[in-house]
């Protein structure tokens, strides 16, 4: 990955299987993938 323009992904979904599959897919293309299981966790992450 290009360290000058890192790709960061924040993923939220309430289905464990979907989160796991998307995380594996995204990790092969992104520099950092953060996974949360609900919208509240995402909101906290975005405002911190």
Protein backbone atom coordinates (compact mmCIF):
# COMPACT_ATOMS: atom_id res chain seq x y z
CA UNK A 1 0.00 0.00 0.00
CA UNK A 2 1.03 3.59 -0.60
CA UNK A 3 2.10 4.93 2.79
CA UNK A 4 1.55 8.50 1.62
CA UNK A 5 -2.20 7.94 1.18
CA UNK A 6 -3.26 5.14 3.54
CA UNK A 7 -6.64 3.53 3.02
CA UNK A 8 -8.62 3.28 6.24
CA UNK A 9 -11.95 1.48 6.43
CA UNK A 10 -14.51 1.53 9.25
CA UNK A 11 -16.97 -1.34 8.87
CA UNK A 12 -20.17 -1.94 10.83
CA UNK A 13 -22.72 -4.68 10.41
CA UNK A 14 -24.82 -6.69 12.84
CA UNK A 15 -24.17 -10.01 11.06
CA UNK A 16 -20.97 -11.70 12.26
CA UNK A 17 -20.44 -13.77 9.12
CA UNK A 18 -20.80 -10.72 6.89
CA UNK A 19 -18.38 -8.69 9.06
CA UNK A 20 -15.79 -11.47 8.96
CA UNK A 21 -16.02 -11.92 5.20
CA UNK A 22 -15.91 -8.21 4.43
CA UNK A 23 -13.00 -7.73 6.81
CA UNK A 24 -10.96 -10.40 5.04
CA UNK A 25 -11.75 -8.88 1.66
CA UNK A 26 -11.00 -5.33 2.75
CA UNK A 27 -7.77 -6.21 4.56
CA UNK A 28 -6.26 -7.31 1.28
CA UNK A 29 -6.82 -3.79 -0.14
CA UNK A 30 -6.72 -1.41 2.83
CA UNK A 31 -3.98 -0.33 5.21
CA UNK A 32 -6.25 -0.48 8.25
CA UNK A 33 -9.66 -2.04 8.79
CA UNK A 34 -11.62 -1.41 11.99
CA UNK A 35 -14.69 -3.56 12.59
CA UNK A 36 -17.55 -2.76 14.95
CA UNK A 37 -20.81 -4.63 15.34
CA UNK A 38 -23.26 -1.76 15.73
CA UNK A 39 -23.91 1.81 14.73
CA UNK A 40 -23.41 3.15 18.25
CA UNK A 41 -19.83 1.83 18.28
CA UNK A 42 -19.20 3.45 14.88
CA UNK A 43 -20.61 6.77 16.06
CA UNK A 44 -18.35 6.72 19.15
CA UNK A 45 -15.36 5.90 16.95
CA UNK A 46 -16.11 8.75 14.53
CA UNK A 47 -16.46 11.43 17.21
CA UNK A 48 -13.38 10.38 19.20
